[in-house]
Amino acid sequence: CECFDLYKELVPYDKAWDWQKQIVKEKKALVEKNQDCQDTLIILQHHPVYTLGTASSEEYLNFDIKDAPYDVYRTERGGEVTYHGPGQLVMYPIINLRNHKMDLHWYLRALEEVVIRVLSSTFSIKASRLEGFTGVWVGDKKVAAVGIRVSQWITYHGLALNVNTDLTPFHSIVPCGIRNRQVGSIKGLLGEFQPSTGCGKAGVLHSNDCQLIDITHSSLIKEFSEVFQLEILHKTIPMSECEDTTPRRSLTWKLT
């Protein structure tokens, strides 16, 4: 699995989205020629942005859509509205399910399993799934959102894990369309732990924000590799192709 690792970068959402679709197009062409194509993993952070799934309802936006606090993108992924921003690690696996299991339920559960393992092995945080919903939960707090698109068995979009994310922007939406539930982050959960509870490993309880991102990133790579049984091959990309840009306060609809 080739890995474009930009986890310390703030990549504009539209650039990352276009990038994914280009890779999907290339993989489809290889499949049509009966040629092998290796899997791809992109890891990054985004500027503050709201994204909606293909069938998302605007009723879950707690703001005037004509005066959105951040850019809003309607995408072709499944799921309802969510927020991406600094301090949140986003993983976009672009993989050929023909080489794994041609089963979307298996794939969704596998993405959740990656996060559950990260929280358990690295932070001693017990996480779980919530029946009837995608994503990963700790108690009544959702710490990771999952939304995918699969085209001719090639996956894109993926998962977003709140590490030290500012959760305030989530107050302007009904995250994933689930009312009466909270959103959490690893930093927030670690802050709730007391030494006497035995929760949280000593090496991470006092980590600063940058260290927490680094620790979580390393664990995500490891667990993704193990869950999907893939060797991770790190690739480089010219940063000019993913240049940081100042986010615009505007509404952007992209329908496909």
Protein backbone atom coordinates (compact mmCIF):
# COMPACT_ATOMS: atom_id res chain seq x y z
CA CYS A 1 0.00 0.00 0.00
CA GLU A 2 1.54 3.29 -1.09
CA CYS A 3 1.10 5.94 1.61
CA PHE A 4 1.07 9.67 0.97
CA ASP A 5 1.68 10.88 4.50
CA LEU A 6 0.79 14.55 4.93
CA TYR A 7 -0.43 14.21 8.49
CA LYS A 8 1.28 17.41 9.64
CA GLU A 9 -0.14 19.42 6.75
CA LEU A 10 -3.41 21.34 6.44
CA VAL A 11 -4.60 20.32 2.98
CA PRO A 12 -7.61 22.14 1.46
CA TYR A 13 -10.56 19.78 1.27
CA ASP A 14 -11.23 20.30 -2.44
CA LYS A 15 -7.62 19.50 -3.32
CA ALA A 16 -7.69 16.25 -1.36
CA TRP A 17 -11.06 15.33 -2.85
CA ASP A 18 -9.88 15.91 -6.42
CA TRP A 19 -6.72 13.96 -5.65
CA GLN A 20 -8.72 10.96 -4.45
CA LYS A 21 -10.93 10.96 -7.53
CA GLN A 22 -7.90 11.08 -9.82
CA ILE A 23 -6.36 8.07 -8.07
CA VAL A 24 -9.66 6.19 -8.29
CA LYS A 25 -9.81 6.93 -12.03
CA GLU A 26 -6.28 5.59 -12.50
CA LYS A 27 -7.03 2.42 -10.56
CA LYS A 28 -10.21 1.77 -12.53
CA ALA A 29 -8.22 2.03 -15.77
CA LEU A 30 -5.76 -0.56 -14.50
CA VAL A 31 -8.54 -2.91 -13.42
CA GLU A 32 -10.24 -2.61 -16.82
CA LYS A 33 -6.96 -3.72 -18.41
CA ASN A 34 -6.72 -6.63 -15.95
CA GLN A 35 -3.58 -5.11 -14.50
CA ASP A 36 -2.68 -5.15 -10.82
CA CYS A 37 -2.94 -1.91 -8.90
CA GLN A 38 -1.51 -1.39 -5.45
CA ASP A 39 -3.62 0.13 -2.71
CA THR A 40 -3.20 3.75 -1.65
CA LEU A 41 -3.53 5.51 1.69
CA ILE A 42 -3.62 9.29 2.17
CA ILE A 43 -3.28 10.77 5.66
CA LEU A 44 -3.69 14.48 6.34
CA GLN A 45 -5.50 17.24 8.20
CA HIS A 46 -7.91 19.77 6.71
CA HIS A 47 -8.69 23.44 7.06
CA PRO A 48 -12.04 23.94 8.87
CA VAL A 49 -14.77 22.67 6.56
CA TYR A 50 -18.19 21.04 6.70
CA THR A 51 -18.95 18.14 4.38
CA LEU A 52 -22.24 16.44 3.61
CA GLY A 53 -22.95 13.03 2.16
CA THR A 54 -24.74 12.54 -1.11
CA ALA A 55 -28.14 12.31 0.57
CA SER A 56 -27.45 14.54 3.60
CA SER A 57 -30.26 16.75 4.85
CA GLU A 58 -29.74 20.47 5.38
CA GLU A 59 -31.91 20.22 8.50
CA TYR A 60 -28.79 19.10 10.34
CA LEU A 61 -27.09 22.47 9.72
CA ASN A 62 -27.63 24.91 12.58
CA PHE A 63 -26.72 27.93 10.47
CA ASP A 64 -27.92 29.83 7.43
CA ILE A 65 -26.46 27.94 4.52
CA LYS A 66 -26.01 31.25 2.66
CA ASP A 67 -23.79 32.52 5.46
CA ALA A 68 -21.89 29.40 6.49
CA PRO A 69 -19.05 29.83 9.00
CA TYR A 70 -16.81 27.63 6.82
CA ASP A 71 -16.90 26.20 3.32
CA VAL A 72 -19.54 23.52 2.84
CA TYR A 73 -19.09 20.65 0.38
CA ARG A 74 -21.69 18.13 -0.67
CA THR A 75 -19.83 14.98 -1.64
CA GLU A 76 -20.62 11.53 -2.98
CA ARG A 77 -19.78 9.70 0.27
CA GLY A 78 -22.37 8.13 2.49
CA GLY A 79 -23.49 9.61 5.80
CA GLU A 80 -24.69 12.96 7.04
CA VAL A 81 -22.90 16.22 7.80
CA THR A 82 -19.59 16.29 9.63
CA TYR A 83 -16.77 18.72 10.37
CA HIS A 84 -13.07 18.49 9.49
CA GLY A 85 -10.41 20.73 10.95
CA PRO A 86 -6.94 21.02 12.50
CA GLY A 87 -6.19 18.44 15.16
CA GLN A 88 -8.23 15.79 13.37
CA LEU A 89 -6.39 13.03 11.50
CA VAL A 90 -8.12 12.00 8.29
CA MET A 91 -7.37 8.72 6.51
CA TYR A 92 -8.42 8.20 2.91
CA PRO A 93 -7.82 4.55 1.91
CA ILE A 94 -8.19 4.07 -1.84
CA ILE A 95 -8.12 0.31 -2.10
CA ASN A 96 -9.32 -2.36 -4.48
CA LEU A 97 -11.70 -4.51 -2.47
CA ARG A 98 -11.22 -7.29 -5.02
CA ASN A 99 -7.90 -7.87 -3.28
CA HIS A 100 -9.52 -7.97 0.18
CA LYS A 101 -13.23 -8.73 0.59
CA MET A 102 -15.91 -7.51 -1.76
CA ASP A 103 -18.13 -6.67 1.19
CA LEU A 104 -18.94 -3.08 2.17
CA HIS A 105 -20.06 -4.04 5.68
CA TRP A 106 -16.74 -5.78 6.24
CA TYR A 107 -14.89 -2.71 4.98
CA LEU A 108 -16.77 -0.30 7.27
CA ARG A 109 -16.21 -2.54 10.28
CA ALA A 110 -12.52 -2.83 9.36
CA LEU A 111 -12.09 0.96 9.34
CA GLU A 112 -13.78 1.14 12.73
CA GLU A 113 -11.53 -1.65 13.97
CA VAL A 114 -8.44 0.38 13.09
CA VAL A 115 -9.57 3.21 15.39
CA ILE A 116 -10.76 0.88 18.16
CA ARG A 117 -7.32 -0.75 18.20
CA VAL A 118 -5.55 2.61 18.23
CA LEU A 119 -7.53 3.80 21.24
CA SER A 120 -7.02 0.54 23.09
CA SER A 121 -3.37 -0.24 22.35
CA THR A 122 -1.97 3.28 22.51
CA PHE A 123 -4.22 5.09 24.99
CA SER A 124 -5.91 2.31 27.00
CA ILE A 125 -9.25 3.82 26.02
CA LYS A 126 -12.08 1.32 25.61
CA ALA A 127 -14.02 2.22 22.49
CA SER A 128 -16.89 0.48 20.75
CA ARG A 129 -19.37 0.58 17.90
CA LEU A 130 -22.94 1.80 18.29
CA GLU A 131 -25.51 -0.52 16.79
CA GLY A 132 -27.17 0.96 13.73
CA PHE A 133 -24.51 3.64 13.20
CA THR A 134 -21.04 3.87 11.68
CA GLY A 135 -18.08 5.34 13.53
CA VAL A 136 -16.33 4.75 16.83
CA TRP A 137 -17.67 5.71 20.24
CA VAL A 138 -16.39 6.06 23.78
CA GLY A 139 -19.47 6.04 25.96
CA ASP A 140 -21.90 8.47 24.33
CA LYS A 141 -19.13 10.44 22.59
CA LYS A 142 -18.27 9.86 18.96
CA VAL A 143 -14.53 10.17 18.44
CA ALA A 144 -14.26 8.95 14.85
CA ALA A 145 -16.58 9.38 11.88
CA VAL A 146 -16.63 7.03 8.89
CA GLY A 147 -18.04 7.87 5.47
CA ILE A 148 -17.11 6.06 2.27
CA ARG A 149 -17.80 5.79 -1.41
CA VAL A 150 -17.08 2.66 -3.42
CA SER A 151 -17.00 2.72 -7.22
CA GLN A 152 -16.40 -0.54 -9.09
CA TRP A 153 -15.06 -1.93 -5.80
CA ILE A 154 -12.50 0.89 -5.46
CA THR A 155 -12.92 2.76 -2.17
CA TYR A 156 -12.40 6.41 -1.36
CA HIS A 157 -13.25 8.95 1.34
CA GLY A 158 -12.70 7.22 4.70
CA LEU A 159 -12.41 8.07 8.39
CA ALA A 160 -11.71 11.09 10.57
CA LEU A 161 -10.38 10.75 14.13
CA ASN A 162 -10.57 13.67 16.56
CA VAL A 163 -7.21 13.89 18.29
CA ASN A 164 -6.97 17.40 19.75
CA THR A 165 -9.61 18.98 17.55
CA ASP A 166 -11.44 22.13 18.61
CA LEU A 167 -14.91 20.65 18.98
CA THR A 168 -16.71 24.01 18.96
CA PRO A 169 -17.57 23.88 15.21
CA PHE A 170 -19.51 20.67 15.82
CA HIS A 171 -22.02 22.77 17.80
CA SER A 172 -23.15 24.36 14.53
CA ILE A 173 -24.31 21.03 13.12
CA VAL A 174 -26.00 17.81 14.18
CA PRO A 175 -22.91 15.62 13.67
CA CYS A 176 -23.70 12.65 11.41
CA GLY A 177 -27.39 13.43 11.91
CA ILE A 178 -27.40 11.92 15.40
CA ARG A 179 -29.16 14.05 17.99
CA ASN A 180 -28.64 13.79 21.75
CA ARG A 181 -25.11 12.45 21.30
CA GLN A 182 -21.80 14.20 21.87
CA VAL A 183 -18.56 14.42 19.94
CA GLY A 184 -15.30 13.68 21.72
CA SER A 185 -11.57 13.78 21.12
CA ILE A 186 -8.62 11.76 22.37
CA LYS A 187 -7.26 14.81 24.19
CA GLY A 188 -10.57 15.42 25.90
CA LEU A 189 -10.93 11.78 26.93
CA LEU A 190 -7.40 11.66 28.32
CA GLY A 191 -8.14 14.81 30.30
CA GLU A 192 -11.06 13.03 31.95
CA PHE A 193 -8.91 10.16 33.15
CA GLN A 194 -7.58 10.16 36.69
CA PRO A 195 -4.45 8.18 37.60
CA SER A 196 -6.50 6.07 39.99
CA THR A 197 -8.72 4.79 37.19
CA GLY A 198 -5.87 3.03 35.47
CA CYS A 199 -7.04 4.49 32.14
CA GLY A 200 -4.61 6.16 29.80
CA LYS A 201 -0.96 5.26 29.51
CA ALA A 202 1.54 7.30 31.49
CA GLY A 203 3.54 8.22 28.39
CA VAL A 204 0.61 9.93 26.68
CA LEU A 205 -1.40 11.47 29.51
CA HIS A 206 0.93 14.48 29.61
CA SER A 207 1.72 14.76 25.92
CA ASN A 208 1.38 18.14 24.25
CA ASP A 209 -0.78 18.61 21.16
CA CYS A 210 1.98 17.96 18.63
CA GLN A 211 3.15 14.86 20.44
CA LEU A 212 -0.42 13.58 20.65
CA ILE A 213 -0.84 13.95 16.89
CA ASP A 214 2.48 12.16 16.32
CA ILE A 215 1.61 9.29 18.66
CA THR A 216 -1.86 8.84 17.17
CA HIS A 217 -0.54 8.99 13.62
CA SER A 218 2.05 6.27 14.24
CA SER A 219 -0.57 4.05 15.83
CA LEU A 220 -3.03 4.58 12.96
CA ILE A 221 -0.41 3.50 10.41
CA LYS A 222 0.45 0.40 12.44
CA GLU A 223 -3.12 -0.70 13.06
CA PHE A 224 -4.22 0.00 9.48
CA SER A 225 -1.37 -2.15 8.23
CA GLU A 226 -2.35 -5.00 10.54
CA VAL A 227 -6.12 -4.87 10.02
CA PHE A 228 -5.82 -4.80 6.23
CA GLN A 229 -2.69 -6.98 6.09
CA LEU A 230 -0.81 -4.45 4.00
CA GLU A 231 2.81 -3.39 3.90
CA ILE A 232 2.98 0.41 4.03
CA LEU A 233 5.30 2.01 1.49
CA HIS A 234 5.76 5.73 2.13
CA LYS A 235 5.67 7.97 -0.93
CA THR A 236 6.47 11.64 -1.32
CA ILE A 237 4.46 14.26 -3.15
CA PRO A 238 5.63 17.76 -4.13
CA MET A 239 4.10 20.10 -1.61
CA SER A 240 3.38 22.52 -4.44
CA GLU A 241 0.58 20.14 -5.38
CA CYS A 242 -1.03 20.54 -1.97
CA GLU A 243 -0.13 24.11 -1.14
CA ASP A 244 -1.69 25.65 1.93
CA THR A 245 -4.35 28.19 0.98
CA THR A 246 -6.34 30.59 3.06
CA PRO A 247 -9.82 29.14 3.52
CA ARG A 248 -12.63 31.25 2.09
CA ARG A 249 -15.81 32.06 3.97
CA SER A 250 -18.14 30.86 1.24
CA LEU A 251 -20.54 28.13 0.28
CA THR A 252 -19.27 25.58 -2.19
CA TRP A 253 -21.56 22.89 -3.59
CA LYS A 254 -19.97 20.09 -5.57
CA LEU A 255 -22.50 17.59 -6.85
CA THR A 256 -21.53 14.36 -8.58
